[in-house]
C-alpha atoms as a PDB file:
ATOM      1  CA  MET A   1      52.055  20.213 149.818  1.00  0.00           C
ATOM      2  CA  GLY A   2      53.535  21.041 152.986  1.00  0.00           C
ATOM      3  CA  GLY A   3      57.130  21.823 153.727  1.00  0.00           C
ATOM      4  CA  ARG A   4      59.401  18.992 154.551  1.00  0.00           C
ATOM      5  CA  THR A   5      60.880  18.684 157.894  1.00  0.00           C
ATOM      6  CA  PRO A   6      63.903  16.637 158.798  1.00  0.00           C
ATOM      7  CA  GLY A   7      62.979  13.128 159.338  1.00  0.00           C
ATOM      8  CA  SER A   8      59.645  13.403 157.633  1.00  0.00           C
ATOM      9  CA  ASP A   9      60.583  10.937 154.995  1.00  0.00           C
ATOM     10  CA  GLY A  10      60.655   8.209 157.520  1.00  0.00           C
ATOM     11  CA  GLN A  11      64.384   8.109 158.181  1.00  0.00           C
ATOM     12  CA  PRO A  12      65.878   9.221 161.431  1.00  0.00           C
ATOM     13  CA  GLY A  13      67.950  12.489 161.158  1.00  0.00           C
ATOM     14  CA  ILE A  14      71.703  12.078 160.983  1.00  0.00           C
ATOM     15  CA  THR A  15      73.951  14.972 161.910  1.00  0.00           C
ATOM     16  CA  PRO A  16      77.303  15.206 160.227  1.00  0.00           C
ATOM     17  CA  GLY A  17      80.400  14.825 162.282  1.00  0.00           C
ATOM     18  CA  THR A  18      83.202  17.301 162.548  1.00  0.00           C
ATOM     19  CA  LEU A  19      85.624  17.762 159.633  1.00  0.00           C
ATOM     20  CA  PRO A  20      89.359  17.293 159.971  1.00  0.00           C
ATOM     21  CA  SER A  21      91.172  20.551 160.784  1.00  0.00           C
ATOM     22  CA  SER A  22      94.642  20.004 159.265  1.00  0.00           C
ATOM     23  CA  PRO A  23      95.848  22.487 156.616  1.00  0.00           C
ATOM     24  CA  PRO A  24      96.706  21.149 153.192  1.00  0.00           C
ATOM     25  CA  SER A  25     100.280  19.963 152.937  1.00  0.00           C
ATOM     26  CA  THR A  26     101.111  21.797 149.606  1.00  0.00           C
ATOM     27  CA  PHE A  27     100.087  25.342 150.586  1.00  0.00           C
ATOM     28  CA  SER A  28     102.528  27.487 152.499  1.00  0.00           C
ATOM     29  CA  SER A  29     101.125  30.716 153.890  1.00  0.00           C
ATOM     30  CA  HIS A  30     104.542  32.364 154.373  1.00  0.00           C
ATOM     31  CA  ASP A  31     105.829  32.036 150.747  1.00  0.00           C
ATOM     32  CA  HIS A  32     105.648  35.429 148.923  1.00  0.00           C
ATOM     33  CA  SER A  33     107.921  34.534 146.009  1.00  0.00           C
ATOM     34  CA  PHE A  34     105.034  34.337 143.518  1.00  0.00           C
ATOM     35  CA  THR A  35     103.747  37.762 144.549  1.00  0.00           C
ATOM     36  CA  LEU A  36     107.212  39.279 144.339  1.00  0.00           C
ATOM     37  CA  GLN A  37     107.797  37.672 140.942  1.00  0.00           C
ATOM     38  CA  MET A  38     104.516  39.132 139.631  1.00  0.00           C
ATOM     39  CA  ILE A  39     105.373  42.580 141.015  1.00  0.00           C
ATOM     40  CA  MET A  40     108.780  42.458 139.310  1.00  0.00           C
ATOM     41  CA  GLU A  41     107.177  41.369 136.027  1.00  0.00           C
ATOM     42  CA  LEU A  42     104.670  44.232 136.302  1.00  0.00           C
ATOM     43  CA  GLN A  43     107.481  46.698 136.964  1.00  0.00           C
ATOM     44  CA  LYS A  44     109.373  45.358 133.969  1.00  0.00           C
ATOM     45  CA  SER A  45     106.278  45.673 131.747  1.00  0.00           C
ATOM     46  CA  SER A  46     105.446  49.138 133.011  1.00  0.00           C
ATOM     47  CA  GLY A  47     109.073  50.216 132.397  1.00  0.00           C
ATOM     48  CA  ALA A  48     108.865  48.948 128.818  1.00  0.00           C
ATOM     49  CA  ILE A  49     105.556  50.752 128.331  1.00  0.00           C
ATOM     50  CA  GLU A  50     107.030  53.926 129.824  1.00  0.00           C
ATOM     51  CA  THR A  51     110.019  53.714 127.459  1.00  0.00           C
ATOM     52  CA  GLN A  52     107.714  53.246 124.481  1.00  0.00           C
ATOM     53  CA  LEU A  53     105.572  56.185 125.592  1.00  0.00           C
ATOM     54  CA  LYS A  54     108.680  58.385 125.878  1.00  0.00           C
ATOM     55  CA  ALA A  55     109.778  57.316 122.391  1.00  0.00           C
ATOM     56  CA  LEU A  56     106.297  58.084 121.021  1.00  0.00           C
ATOM     57  CA  ARG A  57     106.310  61.477 122.788  1.00  0.00           C
ATOM     58  CA  ASP A  58     109.710  62.272 121.242  1.00  0.00           C
ATOM     59  CA  GLN A  59     108.470  61.263 117.789  1.00  0.00           C
ATOM     60  CA  LEU A  60     105.349  63.371 118.265  1.00  0.00           C
ATOM     61  CA  ASN A  61     107.465  66.367 119.294  1.00  0.00           C
ATOM     62  CA  LYS A  62     109.657  65.908 116.201  1.00  0.00           C
ATOM     63  CA  ILE A  63     106.562  65.732 113.992  1.00  0.00           C
ATOM     64  CA  GLU A  64     105.144  68.862 115.622  1.00  0.00           C
ATOM     65  CA  ASP A  65     108.475  70.656 115.076  1.00  0.00           C
ATOM     66  CA  ARG A  66     108.520  69.646 111.409  1.00  0.00           C
ATOM     67  CA  HIS A  67     104.941  70.804 110.969  1.00  0.00           C
ATOM     68  CA  SER A  68     105.585  74.110 112.705  1.00  0.00           C
ATOM     69  CA  LYS A  69     108.649  74.684 110.480  1.00  0.00           C
ATOM     70  CA  ALA A  70     106.592  73.791 107.410  1.00  0.00           C
ATOM     71  CA  ASP A  71     103.852  76.171 108.574  1.00  0.00           C
ATOM     72  CA  GLU A  72     106.414  78.943 109.045  1.00  0.00           C
ATOM     73  CA  LYS A  73     107.818  78.336 105.561  1.00  0.00           C
ATOM     74  CA  THR A  74     104.329  78.339 104.084  1.00  0.00           C
ATOM     75  CA  ASP A  75     103.458  81.533 105.939  1.00  0.00           C
ATOM     76  CA  SER A  76     106.620  83.250 104.707  1.00  0.00           C
ATOM     77  CA  LYS A  77     105.906  82.133 101.132  1.00  0.00           C
ATOM     78  CA  ILE A  78     102.344  83.420 101.413  1.00  0.00           C
ATOM     79  CA  ASP A  79     103.658  86.730 102.772  1.00  0.00           C
ATOM     80  CA  LYS A  80     106.103  87.013  99.856  1.00  0.00           C
ATOM     81  CA  LEU A  81     103.342  86.230  97.369  1.00  0.00           C
ATOM     82  CA  ASP A  82     101.092  88.775  99.054  1.00  0.00           C
ATOM     83  CA  ASP A  83     103.822  91.421  98.824  1.00  0.00           C
ATOM     84  CA  SER A  84     104.482  90.678  95.161  1.00  0.00           C
ATOM     85  CA  LEU A  85     100.753  90.709  94.458  1.00  0.00           C
ATOM     86  CA  ARG A  86     100.474  94.140  96.071  1.00  0.00           C
ATOM     87  CA  GLY A  87     103.389  95.308  93.916  1.00  0.00           C
ATOM     88  CA  VAL A  88     101.680  94.023  90.779  1.00  0.00           C
ATOM     89  CA  GLN A  89      98.420  95.687  91.815  1.00  0.00           C
ATOM     90  CA  ASN A  90     100.219  98.999  92.343  1.00  0.00           C
ATOM     91  CA  LYS A  91     101.944  98.713  88.962  1.00  0.00           C
ATOM     92  CA  ILE A  92      98.654  97.909  87.242  1.00  0.00           C
ATOM     93  CA  SER A  93      97.033 100.875  88.964  1.00  0.00           C
ATOM     94  CA  VAL A  94      99.810 103.230  87.834  1.00  0.00           C
ATOM     95  CA  LEU A  95      99.765 101.805  84.311  1.00  0.00           C
ATOM     96  CA  SER A  96      95.997 102.193  84.050  1.00  0.00           C
ATOM     97  CA  LYS A  97      96.230 105.829  85.168  1.00  0.00           C
ATOM     98  CA  VAL A  98      99.012 106.496  82.659  1.00  0.00           C
ATOM     99  CA  ALA A  99      96.974 104.767  79.944  1.00  0.00           C
ATOM    100  CA  VAL A 100      93.953 106.962  80.729  1.00  0.00           C
ATOM    101  CA  ILE A 101      96.111 110.093  80.568  1.00  0.00           C
ATOM    102  CA  LEU A 102      97.706 108.983  77.285  1.00  0.00           C
ATOM    103  CA  PHE A 103      94.293 108.171  75.840  1.00  0.00           C
ATOM    104  CA  ALA A 104      92.991 111.606  76.814  1.00  0.00           C
ATOM    105  CA  ILE A 105      96.040 113.243  75.207  1.00  0.00           C
ATOM    106  CA  ALA A 106      95.556 111.145  72.068  1.00  0.00           C
ATOM    107  CA  VAL A 107      91.902 112.173  71.877  1.00  0.00           C
ATOM    108  CA  MET A 108      92.835 115.841  72.256  1.00  0.00           C
ATOM    109  CA  VAL A 109      95.601 115.571  69.632  1.00  0.00           C
ATOM    110  CA  GLY A 110      93.204 113.725  67.337  1.00  0.00           C
ATOM    111  CA  GLY A 111      90.566 116.426  67.824  1.00  0.00           C
ATOM    112  CA  VAL A 112      93.082 119.181  67.098  1.00  0.00           C
ATOM    113  CA  ALA A 113      94.358 117.300  64.067  1.00  0.00           C
ATOM    114  CA  TRP A 114      90.802 116.775  62.860  1.00  0.00           C
ATOM    115  CA  THR A 115      90.038 120.469  63.260  1.00  0.00           C
ATOM    116  CA  VAL A 116      93.261 121.465  61.490  1.00  0.00           C
ATOM    117  CA  THR A 117      92.617 119.059  58.627  1.00  0.00           C
ATOM    118  CA  GLN A 118      89.043 120.282  58.297  1.00  0.00           C
ATOM    119  CA  ASP A 119      90.232 123.895  58.171  1.00  0.00           C
ATOM    120  CA  ALA A 120      92.976 122.964  55.724  1.00  0.00           C
ATOM    121  CA  PHE A 121      90.489 121.013  53.630  1.00  0.00           C
ATOM    122  CA  LYS A 122      88.136 124.019  53.623  1.00  0.00           C
ATOM    123  CA  ASP A 123      90.974 126.326  52.589  1.00  0.00           C
ATOM    124  CA  ILE A 124      92.087 123.926  49.867  1.00  0.00           C
ATOM    125  CA  THR A 125      88.550 123.527  48.522  1.00  0.00           C
ATOM    126  CA  LYS A 126      87.954 127.291  48.621  1.00  0.00           C
ATOM    127  CA  THR A 127      91.201 127.905  46.788  1.00  0.00           C
ATOM    128  CA  ALA A 128      90.388 125.203  44.244  1.00  0.00           C
ATOM    129  CA  ILE A 129      86.876 126.576  43.694  1.00  0.00           C
ATOM    130  CA  ASN A 130      88.112 130.147  43.390  1.00  0.00           C
ATOM    131  CA  SER A 131      90.848 129.193  40.953  1.00  0.00           C
ATOM    132  CA  ALA A 132      88.378 127.093  38.964  1.00  0.00           C
ATOM    133  CA  LEU A 133      85.950 130.039  38.828  1.00  0.00           C
ATOM    134  CA  ALA A 134      88.688 132.442  37.902  1.00  0.00           C
ATOM    135  CA  SER A 135      89.935 130.225  35.112  1.00  0.00           C
ATOM    136  CA  SER A 136      86.426 129.635  33.831  1.00  0.00           C
ATOM    137  CA  VAL A 137      85.762 133.408  33.719  1.00  0.00           C
ATOM    138  CA  LYS A 138      88.939 134.030  31.730  1.00  0.00           C
ATOM    139  CA  THR A 139      88.220 131.304  29.190  1.00  0.00           C
ATOM    140  CA  SER A 140      84.550 132.004  28.653  1.00  0.00           C
ATOM    141  CA  PRO A 141      83.431 134.718  26.128  1.00  0.00           C
ATOM    142  CA  ALA A 142      82.263 137.919  27.640  1.00  0.00           C
ATOM    143  CA  LEU A 143      78.590 138.492  27.930  1.00  0.00           C
ATOM    144  CA  PRO A 144      77.118 141.602  26.226  1.00  0.00           C
ATOM    145  CA  SER A 145      76.676 143.345  29.494  1.00  0.00           C
ATOM    146  CA  GLN A 146      80.217 142.533  30.403  1.00  0.00           C
ATOM    147  CA  ALA A 147      81.487 143.623  26.974  1.00  0.00           C
ATOM    148  CA  SER A 148      79.939 147.072  27.303  1.00  0.00           C
ATOM    149  CA  GLU A 149      81.441 147.471  30.683  1.00  0.00           C
ATOM    150  CA  ALA A 150      84.772 146.276  29.422  1.00  0.00           C
ATOM    151  CA  GLY A 151      84.586 148.822  26.546  1.00  0.00           C
ATOM    152  CA  GLN A 152      83.743 151.702  28.818  1.00  0.00           C
ATOM    153  CA  VAL A 153      86.543 150.923  31.097  1.00  0.00           C
ATOM    154  CA  LYS A 154      89.104 150.888  28.320  1.00  0.00           C
END
């Protein structure tokens, strides 16, 4: 298959004639009203967008201000709680030290009281035993060895 050349199909080659050169009657090259109208519409739209962006920026700034104020309030509350917690810790520390001292004093007083009661108990039991022995010697009959001694002494 070879390439076709003009006129190879058996018809003589026809060259087209020149086209008419008149511009279309509805198109005016000097009319810029459409372009100007579009530019004005774009400016109007961009102005509206700019206004909305400014309003959004203002709202965002207000939100940031509210959040920063809330953060400051929260920080001050946390600081107050921290201070009161330190105060409670200090009070608990002092109370625990006082409790240890009081416990030590109570143990010492209890030990002294225990010693005193033991000594008193010993004295009471000795006195009771001695008085019981003395009363039993007086009420019991004298033994022969004791009777001879008693007679010699008289």
